[in-house]
PDB file of N, CA and C in Angstrom:
ATOM      1  N   UNK A   1     -55.810  -3.729 -10.392  1.00  0.00           N
ATOM      2  CA  UNK A   1     -55.026  -4.813 -10.924  1.00  0.00           C
ATOM      3  C   UNK A   1     -53.698  -4.278 -11.450  1.00  0.00           C
ATOM      4  N   UNK A   2     -52.681  -5.059 -11.247  1.00  0.00           N
ATOM      5  CA  UNK A   2     -51.393  -4.622 -11.785  1.00  0.00           C
ATOM      6  C   UNK A   2     -51.402  -4.776 -13.294  1.00  0.00           C
ATOM      7  N   UNK A   3     -50.521  -4.052 -13.935  1.00  0.00           N
ATOM      8  CA  UNK A   3     -50.443  -4.105 -15.391  1.00  0.00           C
ATOM      9  C   UNK A   3     -50.113  -5.510 -15.879  1.00  0.00           C
ATOM     10  N   UNK A   4     -49.248  -6.210 -15.156  1.00  0.00           N
ATOM     11  CA  UNK A   4     -48.872  -7.566 -15.559  1.00  0.00           C
ATOM     12  C   UNK A   4     -50.072  -8.499 -15.511  1.00  0.00           C
ATOM     13  N   UNK A   5     -50.814  -8.469 -14.419  1.00  0.00           N
ATOM     14  CA  UNK A   5     -51.982  -9.342 -14.284  1.00  0.00           C
ATOM     15  C   UNK A   5     -53.008  -8.986 -15.348  1.00  0.00           C
ATOM     16  N   UNK A   6     -53.227  -7.691 -15.546  1.00  0.00           N
ATOM     17  CA  UNK A   6     -54.191  -7.256 -16.545  1.00  0.00           C
ATOM     18  C   UNK A   6     -53.773  -7.718 -17.936  1.00  0.00           C
ATOM     19  N   UNK A   7     -52.478  -7.587 -18.271  1.00  0.00           N
ATOM     20  CA  UNK A   7     -52.030  -8.016 -19.599  1.00  0.00           C
ATOM     21  C   UNK A   7     -52.155  -9.527 -19.762  1.00  0.00           C
ATOM     22  N   UNK A   8     -51.900 -10.284 -18.703  1.00  0.00           N
ATOM     23  CA  UNK A   8     -52.053 -11.742 -18.774  1.00  0.00           C
ATOM     24  C   UNK A   8     -53.507 -12.130 -18.969  1.00  0.00           C
ATOM     25  N   UNK A   9     -54.397 -11.460 -18.254  1.00  0.00           N
ATOM     26  CA  UNK A   9     -55.812 -11.768 -18.391  1.00  0.00           C
ATOM     27  C   UNK A   9     -56.308 -11.413 -19.780  1.00  0.00           C
ATOM     28  N   UNK A  10     -55.873 -10.278 -20.305  1.00  0.00           N
ATOM     29  CA  UNK A  10     -56.287  -9.875 -21.648  1.00  0.00           C
ATOM     30  C   UNK A  10     -55.716 -10.810 -22.704  1.00  0.00           C
ATOM     31  N   UNK A  11     -54.549 -11.372 -22.440  1.00  0.00           N
ATOM     32  CA  UNK A  11     -53.920 -12.288 -23.385  1.00  0.00           C
ATOM     33  C   UNK A  11     -54.464 -13.710 -23.243  1.00  0.00           C
ATOM     34  N   UNK A  12     -55.352 -13.918 -22.293  1.00  0.00           N
ATOM     35  CA  UNK A  12     -55.950 -15.232 -22.105  1.00  0.00           C
ATOM     36  C   UNK A  12     -55.154 -16.126 -21.180  1.00  0.00           C
ATOM     37  N   UNK A  13     -54.076 -15.629 -20.616  1.00  0.00           N
ATOM     38  CA  UNK A  13     -53.274 -16.424 -19.698  1.00  0.00           C
ATOM     39  C   UNK A  13     -53.676 -16.154 -18.260  1.00  0.00           C
ATOM     40  N   UNK A  14     -53.214 -16.974 -17.398  1.00  0.00           N
ATOM     41  CA  UNK A  14     -53.471 -16.778 -15.973  1.00  0.00           C
ATOM     42  C   UNK A  14     -52.141 -16.544 -15.290  1.00  0.00           C
ATOM     43  N   UNK A  15     -52.155 -15.712 -14.262  1.00  0.00           N
ATOM     44  CA  UNK A  15     -50.896 -15.503 -13.548  1.00  0.00           C
ATOM     45  C   UNK A  15     -50.391 -16.817 -12.967  1.00  0.00           C
ATOM     46  N   UNK A  16     -49.108 -16.996 -13.046  1.00  0.00           N
ATOM     47  CA  UNK A  16     -48.490 -18.195 -12.480  1.00  0.00           C
ATOM     48  C   UNK A  16     -48.004 -17.867 -11.075  1.00  0.00           C
ATOM     49  N   UNK A  17     -47.312 -18.810 -10.481  1.00  0.00           N
ATOM     50  CA  UNK A  17     -46.755 -18.577  -9.148  1.00  0.00           C
ATOM     51  C   UNK A  17     -45.842 -17.356  -9.205  1.00  0.00           C
ATOM     52  N   UNK A  18     -45.780 -16.612  -8.125  1.00  0.00           N
ATOM     53  CA  UNK A  18     -44.945 -15.408  -8.147  1.00  0.00           C
ATOM     54  C   UNK A  18     -43.487 -15.752  -8.417  1.00  0.00           C
ATOM     55  N   UNK A  19     -42.835 -14.848  -9.114  1.00  0.00           N
ATOM     56  CA  UNK A  19     -41.418 -15.027  -9.400  1.00  0.00           C
ATOM     57  C   UNK A  19     -40.632 -14.965  -8.101  1.00  0.00           C
ATOM     58  N   UNK A  20     -39.500 -15.649  -8.055  1.00  0.00           N
ATOM     59  CA  UNK A  20     -38.685 -15.571  -6.842  1.00  0.00           C
ATOM     60  C   UNK A  20     -38.277 -14.123  -6.569  1.00  0.00           C
ATOM     61  N   UNK A  21     -38.167 -13.801  -5.327  1.00  0.00           N
ATOM     62  CA  UNK A  21     -37.756 -12.446  -4.970  1.00  0.00           C
ATOM     63  C   UNK A  21     -36.269 -12.272  -5.245  1.00  0.00           C
ATOM     64  N   UNK A  22     -35.858 -11.031  -5.306  1.00  0.00           N
ATOM     65  CA  UNK A  22     -34.438 -10.743  -5.514  1.00  0.00           C
ATOM     66  C   UNK A  22     -33.601 -11.344  -4.388  1.00  0.00           C
ATOM     67  N   UNK A  23     -34.126 -11.314  -3.169  1.00  0.00           N
ATOM     68  CA  UNK A  23     -33.397 -11.906  -2.045  1.00  0.00           C
ATOM     69  C   UNK A  23     -33.216 -13.408  -2.261  1.00  0.00           C
ATOM     70  N   UNK A  24     -34.267 -14.078  -2.704  1.00  0.00           N
ATOM     71  CA  UNK A  24     -34.176 -15.525  -2.933  1.00  0.00           C
ATOM     72  C   UNK A  24     -33.175 -15.846  -4.041  1.00  0.00           C
ATOM     73  N   UNK A  25     -33.202 -15.041  -5.095  1.00  0.00           N
ATOM     74  CA  UNK A  25     -32.282 -15.267  -6.211  1.00  0.00           C
ATOM     75  C   UNK A  25     -30.843 -15.031  -5.766  1.00  0.00           C
ATOM     76  N   UNK A  26     -30.606 -13.917  -5.085  1.00  0.00           N
ATOM     77  CA  UNK A  26     -29.252 -13.599  -4.626  1.00  0.00           C
ATOM     78  C   UNK A  26     -28.767 -14.621  -3.594  1.00  0.00           C
ATOM     79  N   UNK A  27     -29.674 -15.090  -2.754  1.00  0.00           N
ATOM     80  CA  UNK A  27     -29.310 -16.098  -1.758  1.00  0.00           C
ATOM     81  C   UNK A  27     -28.886 -17.391  -2.448  1.00  0.00           C
ATOM     82  N   UNK A  28     -29.633 -17.778  -3.460  1.00  0.00           N
ATOM     83  CA  UNK A  28     -29.280 -18.994  -4.200  1.00  0.00           C
ATOM     84  C   UNK A  28     -27.930 -18.820  -4.897  1.00  0.00           C
ATOM     85  N   UNK A  29     -27.709 -17.664  -5.511  1.00  0.00           N
ATOM     86  CA  UNK A  29     -26.432 -17.406  -6.169  1.00  0.00           C
ATOM     87  C   UNK A  29     -25.277 -17.454  -5.193  1.00  0.00           C
ATOM     88  N   UNK A  30     -25.483 -16.858  -4.011  1.00  0.00           N
ATOM     89  CA  UNK A  30     -24.428 -16.869  -2.994  1.00  0.00           C
ATOM     90  C   UNK A  30     -24.131 -18.305  -2.556  1.00  0.00           C
ATOM     91  N   UNK A  31     -25.166 -19.077  -2.281  1.00  0.00           N
ATOM     92  CA  UNK A  31     -24.963 -20.457  -1.817  1.00  0.00           C
ATOM     93  C   UNK A  31     -24.220 -21.291  -2.870  1.00  0.00           C
ATOM     94  N   UNK A  32     -24.567 -21.110  -4.131  1.00  0.00           N
ATOM     95  CA  UNK A  32     -23.880 -21.843  -5.199  1.00  0.00           C
ATOM     96  C   UNK A  32     -22.415 -21.429  -5.271  1.00  0.00           C
ATOM     97  N   UNK A  33     -22.171 -20.121  -5.286  1.00  0.00           N
ATOM     98  CA  UNK A  33     -20.789 -19.637  -5.387  1.00  0.00           C
ATOM     99  C   UNK A  33     -19.954 -20.091  -4.196  1.00  0.00           C
ATOM    100  N   UNK A  34     -20.521 -20.016  -3.003  1.00  0.00           N
ATOM    101  CA  UNK A  34     -19.786 -20.413  -1.798  1.00  0.00           C
ATOM    102  C   UNK A  34     -19.494 -21.911  -1.819  1.00  0.00           C
ATOM    103  N   UNK A  35     -20.454 -22.705  -2.242  1.00  0.00           N
ATOM    104  CA  UNK A  35     -20.243 -24.148  -2.343  1.00  0.00           C
ATOM    105  C   UNK A  35     -19.175 -24.492  -3.368  1.00  0.00           C
ATOM    106  N   UNK A  36     -19.185 -23.768  -4.488  1.00  0.00           N
ATOM    107  CA  UNK A  36     -18.168 -23.997  -5.503  1.00  0.00           C
ATOM    108  C   UNK A  36     -16.791 -23.578  -5.002  1.00  0.00           C
ATOM    109  N   UNK A  37     -16.737 -22.497  -4.200  1.00  0.00           N
ATOM    110  CA  UNK A  37     -15.452 -22.088  -3.623  1.00  0.00           C
ATOM    111  C   UNK A  37     -14.922 -23.181  -2.691  1.00  0.00           C
ATOM    112  N   UNK A  38     -15.802 -23.730  -1.867  1.00  0.00           N
ATOM    113  CA  UNK A  38     -15.392 -24.815  -0.966  1.00  0.00           C
ATOM    114  C   UNK A  38     -14.807 -25.984  -1.749  1.00  0.00           C
ATOM    115  N   UNK A  39     -15.371 -26.236  -2.916  1.00  0.00           N
ATOM    116  CA  UNK A  39     -14.918 -27.358  -3.737  1.00  0.00           C
ATOM    117  C   UNK A  39     -13.706 -26.998  -4.588  1.00  0.00           C
ATOM    118  N   UNK A  40     -13.255 -25.754  -4.495  1.00  0.00           N
ATOM    119  CA  UNK A  40     -12.102 -25.327  -5.269  1.00  0.00           C
ATOM    120  C   UNK A  40     -12.428 -24.986  -6.713  1.00  0.00           C
ATOM    121  N   UNK A  41     -13.715 -24.790  -7.014  1.00  0.00           N
ATOM    122  CA  UNK A  41     -14.134 -24.553  -8.392  1.00  0.00           C
ATOM    123  C   UNK A  41     -14.578 -23.113  -8.646  1.00  0.00           C
ATOM    124  N   UNK A  42     -14.369 -22.244  -7.668  1.00  0.00           N
ATOM    125  CA  UNK A  42     -14.785 -20.847  -7.811  1.00  0.00           C
ATOM    126  C   UNK A  42     -13.798 -19.958  -7.084  1.00  0.00           C
ATOM    127  N   UNK A  43     -13.747 -18.691  -7.471  1.00  0.00           N
ATOM    128  CA  UNK A  43     -12.853 -17.752  -6.805  1.00  0.00           C
ATOM    129  C   UNK A  43     -13.575 -17.037  -5.671  1.00  0.00           C
ATOM    130  N   UNK A  44     -12.795 -16.528  -4.735  1.00  0.00           N
ATOM    131  CA  UNK A  44     -13.367 -15.752  -3.639  1.00  0.00           C
ATOM    132  C   UNK A  44     -14.009 -14.472  -4.170  1.00  0.00           C
ATOM    133  N   UNK A  45     -13.442 -13.904  -5.222  1.00  0.00           N
ATOM    134  CA  UNK A  45     -14.020 -12.680  -5.797  1.00  0.00           C
ATOM    135  C   UNK A  45     -15.462 -12.903  -6.220  1.00  0.00           C
ATOM    136  N   UNK A  46     -15.745 -14.041  -6.823  1.00  0.00           N
ATOM    137  CA  UNK A  46     -17.113 -14.353  -7.236  1.00  0.00           C
ATOM    138  C   UNK A  46     -18.005 -14.518  -6.015  1.00  0.00           C
ATOM    139  N   UNK A  47     -17.516 -15.197  -5.005  1.00  0.00           N
ATOM    140  CA  UNK A  47     -18.304 -15.380  -3.770  1.00  0.00           C
ATOM    141  C   UNK A  47     -18.613 -14.021  -3.152  1.00  0.00           C
ATOM    142  N   UNK A  48     -17.619 -13.138  -3.097  1.00  0.00           N
ATOM    143  CA  UNK A  48     -17.839 -11.812  -2.514  1.00  0.00           C
ATOM    144  C   UNK A  48     -18.820 -10.983  -3.345  1.00  0.00           C
ATOM    145  N   UNK A  49     -18.783 -11.142  -4.653  1.00  0.00           N
ATOM    146  CA  UNK A  49     -19.750 -10.448  -5.503  1.00  0.00           C
ATOM    147  C   UNK A  49     -21.168 -10.877  -5.153  1.00  0.00           C
ATOM    148  N   UNK A  50     -21.363 -12.174  -4.990  1.00  0.00           N
ATOM    149  CA  UNK A  50     -22.696 -12.671  -4.626  1.00  0.00           C
ATOM    150  C   UNK A  50     -23.078 -12.275  -3.210  1.00  0.00           C
ATOM    151  N   UNK A  51     -22.113 -12.236  -2.305  1.00  0.00           N
ATOM    152  CA  UNK A  51     -22.403 -11.783  -0.937  1.00  0.00           C
ATOM    153  C   UNK A  51     -22.899 -10.338  -0.973  1.00  0.00           C
ATOM    154  N   UNK A  52     -22.265  -9.504  -1.785  1.00  0.00           N
ATOM    155  CA  UNK A  52     -22.704  -8.114  -1.919  1.00  0.00           C
ATOM    156  C   UNK A  52     -24.074  -7.999  -2.551  1.00  0.00           C
ATOM    157  N   UNK A  53     -24.347  -8.821  -3.550  1.00  0.00           N
ATOM    158  CA  UNK A  53     -25.683  -8.820  -4.169  1.00  0.00           C
ATOM    159  C   UNK A  53     -26.751  -9.203  -3.154  1.00  0.00           C
ATOM    160  N   UNK A  54     -26.429 -10.195  -2.328  1.00  0.00           N
ATOM    161  CA  UNK A  54     -27.384 -10.621  -1.310  1.00  0.00           C
ATOM    162  C   UNK A  54     -27.628  -9.507  -0.300  1.00  0.00           C
ATOM    163  N   UNK A  55     -26.556  -8.858   0.161  1.00  0.00           N
ATOM    164  CA  UNK A  55     -26.711  -7.736   1.088  1.00  0.00           C
ATOM    165  C   UNK A  55     -27.560  -6.632   0.467  1.00  0.00           C
ATOM    166  N   UNK A  56     -27.283  -6.298  -0.782  1.00  0.00           N
ATOM    167  CA  UNK A  56     -28.037  -5.244  -1.457  1.00  0.00           C
ATOM    168  C   UNK A  56     -29.515  -5.604  -1.596  1.00  0.00           C
ATOM    169  N   UNK A  57     -29.778  -6.864  -1.936  1.00  0.00           N
ATOM    170  CA  UNK A  57     -31.167  -7.318  -2.066  1.00  0.00           C
ATOM    171  C   UNK A  57     -31.879  -7.270  -0.717  1.00  0.00           C
ATOM    172  N   UNK A  58     -31.184  -7.675   0.343  1.00  0.00           N
ATOM    173  CA  UNK A  58     -31.787  -7.631   1.672  1.00  0.00           C
ATOM    174  C   UNK A  58     -32.064  -6.189   2.093  1.00  0.00           C
ATOM    175  N   UNK A  59     -31.141  -5.291   1.790  1.00  0.00           N
ATOM    176  CA  UNK A  59     -31.370  -3.876   2.090  1.00  0.00           C
ATOM    177  C   UNK A  59     -32.588  -3.355   1.336  1.00  0.00           C
ATOM    178  N   UNK A  60     -32.678  -3.700   0.047  1.00  0.00           N
ATOM    179  CA  UNK A  60     -33.796  -3.245  -0.779  1.00  0.00           C
ATOM    180  C   UNK A  60     -35.127  -3.782  -0.262  1.00  0.00           C
ATOM    181  N   UNK A  61     -35.078  -4.950   0.367  1.00  0.00           N
ATOM    182  CA  UNK A  61     -36.281  -5.558   0.942  1.00  0.00           C
ATOM    183  C   UNK A  61     -36.541  -5.056   2.361  1.00  0.00           C
ATOM    184  N   UNK A  62     -35.799  -4.039   2.770  1.00  0.00           N
ATOM    185  CA  UNK A  62     -35.947  -3.428   4.095  1.00  0.00           C
ATOM    186  C   UNK A  62     -35.679  -4.406   5.241  1.00  0.00           C
ATOM    187  N   UNK A  63     -34.735  -5.311   5.031  1.00  0.00           N
ATOM    188  CA  UNK A  63     -34.316  -6.236   6.092  1.00  0.00           C
ATOM    189  C   UNK A  63     -33.399  -5.462   7.034  1.00  0.00           C
ATOM    190  N   UNK A  64     -33.876  -5.196   8.224  1.00  0.00           N
ATOM    191  CA  UNK A  64     -33.110  -4.413   9.198  1.00  0.00           C
ATOM    192  C   UNK A  64     -31.815  -5.112   9.603  1.00  0.00           C
ATOM    193  N   UNK A  65     -31.731  -6.409   9.374  1.00  0.00           N
ATOM    194  CA  UNK A  65     -30.545  -7.178   9.750  1.00  0.00           C
ATOM    195  C   UNK A  65     -29.597  -7.410   8.570  1.00  0.00           C
ATOM    196  N   UNK A  66     -29.854  -6.766   7.435  1.00  0.00           N
ATOM    197  CA  UNK A  66     -29.054  -7.014   6.227  1.00  0.00           C
ATOM    198  C   UNK A  66     -27.564  -6.823   6.486  1.00  0.00           C
ATOM    199  N   UNK A  67     -27.200  -5.728   7.132  1.00  0.00           N
ATOM    200  CA  UNK A  67     -25.772  -5.462   7.341  1.00  0.00           C
ATOM    201  C   UNK A  67     -25.146  -6.433   8.331  1.00  0.00           C
ATOM    202  N   UNK A  68     -25.856  -6.754   9.401  1.00  0.00           N
ATOM    203  CA  UNK A  68     -25.280  -7.695  10.369  1.00  0.00           C
ATOM    204  C   UNK A  68     -25.184  -9.103   9.774  1.00  0.00           C
ATOM    205  N   UNK A  69     -26.133  -9.478   8.931  1.00  0.00           N
ATOM    206  CA  UNK A  69     -26.052 -10.776   8.247  1.00  0.00           C
ATOM    207  C   UNK A  69     -24.847 -10.797   7.302  1.00  0.00           C
ATOM    208  N   UNK A  70     -24.616  -9.668   6.633  1.00  0.00           N
ATOM    209  CA  UNK A  70     -23.487  -9.567   5.711  1.00  0.00           C
ATOM    210  C   UNK A  70     -22.164  -9.700   6.469  1.00  0.00           C
ATOM    211  N   UNK A  71     -22.067  -9.016   7.598  1.00  0.00           N
ATOM    212  CA  UNK A  71     -20.848  -9.098   8.412  1.00  0.00           C
ATOM    213  C   UNK A  71     -20.609 -10.545   8.862  1.00  0.00           C
ATOM    214  N   UNK A  72     -21.666 -11.227   9.262  1.00  0.00           N
ATOM    215  CA  UNK A  72     -21.530 -12.628   9.678  1.00  0.00           C
ATOM    216  C   UNK A  72     -21.089 -13.508   8.506  1.00  0.00           C
ATOM    217  N   UNK A  73     -21.660 -13.268   7.309  1.00  0.00           N
ATOM    218  CA  UNK A  73     -21.231 -14.038   6.129  1.00  0.00           C
ATOM    219  C   UNK A  73     -19.756 -13.798   5.850  1.00  0.00           C
ATOM    220  N   UNK A  74     -19.340 -12.535   5.941  1.00  0.00           N
ATOM    221  CA  UNK A  74     -17.937 -12.210   5.674  1.00  0.00           C
ATOM    222  C   UNK A  74     -17.007 -12.865   6.684  1.00  0.00           C
ATOM    223  N   UNK A  75     -17.423 -12.930   7.935  1.00  0.00           N
ATOM    224  CA  UNK A  75     -16.584 -13.587   8.937  1.00  0.00           C
ATOM    225  C   UNK A  75     -16.440 -15.074   8.620  1.00  0.00           C
ATOM    226  N   UNK A  76     -17.532 -15.699   8.226  1.00  0.00           N
ATOM    227  CA  UNK A  76     -17.471 -17.118   7.859  1.00  0.00           C
ATOM    228  C   UNK A  76     -16.578 -17.323   6.633  1.00  0.00           C
ATOM    229  N   UNK A  77     -16.674 -16.398   5.669  1.00  0.00           N
ATOM    230  CA  UNK A  77     -15.816 -16.499   4.485  1.00  0.00           C
ATOM    231  C   UNK A  77     -14.350 -16.297   4.844  1.00  0.00           C
ATOM    232  N   UNK A  78     -14.090 -15.372   5.755  1.00  0.00           N
ATOM    233  CA  UNK A  78     -12.711 -15.138   6.191  1.00  0.00           C
ATOM    234  C   UNK A  78     -12.150 -16.389   6.867  1.00  0.00           C
ATOM    235  N   UNK A  79     -12.937 -16.986   7.730  1.00  0.00           N
ATOM    236  CA  UNK A  79     -12.507 -18.211   8.406  1.00  0.00           C
ATOM    237  C   UNK A  79     -12.208 -19.311   7.386  1.00  0.00           C
ATOM    238  N   UNK A  80     -13.086 -19.440   6.412  1.00  0.00           N
ATOM    239  CA  UNK A  80     -12.913 -20.471   5.391  1.00  0.00           C
ATOM    240  C   UNK A  80     -11.676 -20.193   4.526  1.00  0.00           C
ATOM    241  N   UNK A  81     -11.515 -18.954   4.093  1.00  0.00           N
ATOM    242  CA  UNK A  81     -10.352 -18.608   3.263  1.00  0.00           C
ATOM    243  C   UNK A  81      -9.052 -18.800   4.041  1.00  0.00           C
ATOM    244  N   UNK A  82      -9.075 -18.434   5.313  1.00  0.00           N
ATOM    245  CA  UNK A  82      -7.877 -18.597   6.148  1.00  0.00           C
ATOM    246  C   UNK A  82      -7.519 -20.074   6.307  1.00  0.00           C
ATOM    247  N   UNK A  83      -8.527 -20.921   6.542  1.00  0.00           N
ATOM    248  CA  UNK A  83      -8.280 -22.367   6.654  1.00  0.00           C
ATOM    249  C   UNK A  83      -7.718 -22.916   5.349  1.00  0.00           C
ATOM    250  N   UNK A  84      -8.329 -22.524   4.238  1.00  0.00           N
ATOM    251  CA  UNK A  84      -7.859 -23.023   2.938  1.00  0.00           C
ATOM    252  C   UNK A  84      -6.457 -22.514   2.640  1.00  0.00           C
ATOM    253  N   UNK A  85      -6.164 -21.283   3.010  1.00  0.00           N
ATOM    254  CA  UNK A  85      -4.819 -20.738   2.788  1.00  0.00           C
ATOM    255  C   UNK A  85      -3.787 -21.523   3.606  1.00  0.00           C
ATOM    256  N   UNK A  86      -4.146 -21.851   4.839  1.00  0.00           N
ATOM    257  CA  UNK A  86      -3.204 -22.567   5.704  1.00  0.00           C
ATOM    258  C   UNK A  86      -2.923 -23.979   5.208  1.00  0.00           C
ATOM    259  N   UNK A  87      -3.834 -24.524   4.404  1.00  0.00           N
ATOM    260  CA  UNK A  87      -3.614 -25.866   3.857  1.00  0.00           C
ATOM    261  C   UNK A  87      -3.112 -25.826   2.419  1.00  0.00           C
ATOM    262  N   UNK A  88      -2.902 -24.631   1.891  1.00  0.00           N
ATOM    263  CA  UNK A  88      -2.386 -24.501   0.539  1.00  0.00           C
ATOM    264  C   UNK A  88      -3.421 -24.639  -0.558  1.00  0.00           C
ATOM    265  N   UNK A  89      -4.706 -24.605  -0.206  1.00  0.00           N
ATOM    266  CA  UNK A  89      -5.753 -24.755  -1.223  1.00  0.00           C
ATOM    267  C   UNK A  89      -6.397 -23.423  -1.591  1.00  0.00           C
ATOM    268  N   UNK A  90      -5.851 -22.333  -1.069  1.00  0.00           N
ATOM    269  CA  UNK A  90      -6.298 -20.985  -1.428  1.00  0.00           C
ATOM    270  C   UNK A  90      -5.081 -20.078  -1.358  1.00  0.00           C
ATOM    271  N   UNK A  91      -5.205 -18.911  -1.926  1.00  0.00           N
ATOM    272  CA  UNK A  91      -4.092 -17.977  -1.910  1.00  0.00           C
ATOM    273  C   UNK A  91      -4.325 -16.895  -0.857  1.00  0.00           C
ATOM    274  N   UNK A  92      -3.254 -16.188  -0.566  1.00  0.00           N
ATOM    275  CA  UNK A  92      -3.354 -15.055   0.358  1.00  0.00           C
ATOM    276  C   UNK A  92      -4.314 -14.004  -0.200  1.00  0.00           C
ATOM    277  N   UNK A  93      -4.426 -13.926  -1.513  1.00  0.00           N
ATOM    278  CA  UNK A  93      -5.355 -12.978  -2.122  1.00  0.00           C
ATOM    279  C   UNK A  93      -6.800 -13.254  -1.715  1.00  0.00           C
ATOM    280  N   UNK A  94      -7.144 -14.524  -1.522  1.00  0.00           N
ATOM    281  CA  UNK A  94      -8.495 -14.850  -1.051  1.00  0.00           C
ATOM    282  C   UNK A  94      -8.743 -14.238   0.327  1.00  0.00           C
ATOM    283  N   UNK A  95      -7.774 -14.404   1.210  1.00  0.00           N
ATOM    284  CA  UNK A  95      -7.895 -13.861   2.568  1.00  0.00           C
ATOM    285  C   UNK A  95      -7.969 -12.334   2.515  1.00  0.00           C
ATOM    286  N   UNK A  96      -7.089 -11.732   1.727  1.00  0.00           N
ATOM    287  CA  UNK A  96      -7.063 -10.267   1.631  1.00  0.00           C
ATOM    288  C   UNK A  96      -8.345  -9.710   1.019  1.00  0.00           C
ATOM    289  N   UNK A  97      -8.908 -10.417   0.045  1.00  0.00           N
ATOM    290  CA  UNK A  97     -10.156  -9.963  -0.573  1.00  0.00           C
ATOM    291  C   UNK A  97     -11.275  -9.888   0.464  1.00  0.00           C
ATOM    292  N   UNK A  98     -11.335 -10.889   1.334  1.00  0.00           N
ATOM    293  CA  UNK A  98     -12.364 -10.876   2.371  1.00  0.00           C
ATOM    294  C   UNK A  98     -12.075  -9.763   3.375  1.00  0.00           C
ATOM    295  N   UNK A  99     -10.820  -9.559   3.702  1.00  0.00           N
ATOM    296  CA  UNK A  99     -10.482  -8.509   4.662  1.00  0.00           C
ATOM    297  C   UNK A  99     -10.851  -7.122   4.130  1.00  0.00           C
ATOM    298  N   UNK A 100     -10.670  -6.894   2.844  1.00  0.00           N
ATOM    299  CA  UNK A 100     -11.096  -5.626   2.248  1.00  0.00           C
ATOM    300  C   UNK A 100     -12.622  -5.504   2.330  1.00  0.00           C
ATOM    301  N   UNK A 101     -13.328  -6.587   2.023  1.00  0.00           N
ATOM    302  CA  UNK A 101     -14.795  -6.571   2.113  1.00  0.00           C
ATOM    303  C   UNK A 101     -15.245  -6.309   3.552  1.00  0.00           C
ATOM    304  N   UNK A 102     -14.539  -6.882   4.522  1.00  0.00           N
ATOM    305  CA  UNK A 102     -14.881  -6.639   5.924  1.00  0.00           C
ATOM    306  C   UNK A 102     -14.663  -5.180   6.295  1.00  0.00           C
ATOM    307  N   UNK A 103     -13.571  -4.586   5.829  1.00  0.00           N
ATOM    308  CA  UNK A 103     -13.309  -3.173   6.108  1.00  0.00           C
ATOM    309  C   UNK A 103     -14.381  -2.286   5.501  1.00  0.00           C
ATOM    310  N   UNK A 104     -14.817  -2.612   4.286  1.00  0.00           N
ATOM    311  CA  UNK A 104     -15.891  -1.851   3.644  1.00  0.00           C
ATOM    312  C   UNK A 104     -17.210  -2.013   4.398  1.00  0.00           C
ATOM    313  N   UNK A 105     -17.478  -3.225   4.837  1.00  0.00           N
ATOM    314  CA  UNK A 105     -18.706  -3.471   5.594  1.00  0.00           C
ATOM    315  C   UNK A 105     -18.709  -2.681   6.891  1.00  0.00           C
ATOM    316  N   UNK A 106     -17.544  -2.571   7.519  1.00  0.00           N
ATOM    317  CA  UNK A 106     -17.445  -1.811   8.768  1.00  0.00           C
ATOM    318  C   UNK A 106     -17.758  -0.342   8.543  1.00  0.00           C
ATOM    319  N   UNK A 107     -17.518   0.146   7.314  1.00  0.00           N
ATOM    320  CA  UNK A 107     -17.847   1.535   6.959  1.00  0.00           C
ATOM    321  C   UNK A 107     -19.257   1.669   6.422  1.00  0.00           C
ATOM    322  N   UNK A 108     -19.989   0.559   6.374  1.00  0.00           N
ATOM    323  CA  UNK A 108     -21.365   0.600   5.875  1.00  0.00           C
ATOM    324  C   UNK A 108     -21.493   0.523   4.371  1.00  0.00           C
ATOM    325  N   UNK A 109     -20.436   0.109   3.712  1.00  0.00           N
ATOM    326  CA  UNK A 109     -20.472  -0.006   2.243  1.00  0.00           C
ATOM    327  C   UNK A 109     -20.753  -1.428   1.816  1.00  0.00           C
TER     328      UNK A 109
END
């Protein structure tokens, strides 16, 4: 028995549903940040932070596709930032931030 289950049983409690995985938590954070960016209520830096957290969580979970999923997310973010920049609803810094993240991803970072 794990220490947590044993401590719950000794305390008279029963284990509850398993806690969300780090991947699930990071995925939810990324989706919220990206949605807020689309609505103009969040910065690209925050979205990229969550994208990195999601990639890291997927790597930790031994997801062999973690890096390719990250590259695909970054491409979608670049497309979105570029569209918003062209309409004046984002800055060039948003586009450049994604481009730096893409360059790092290409190096495996």
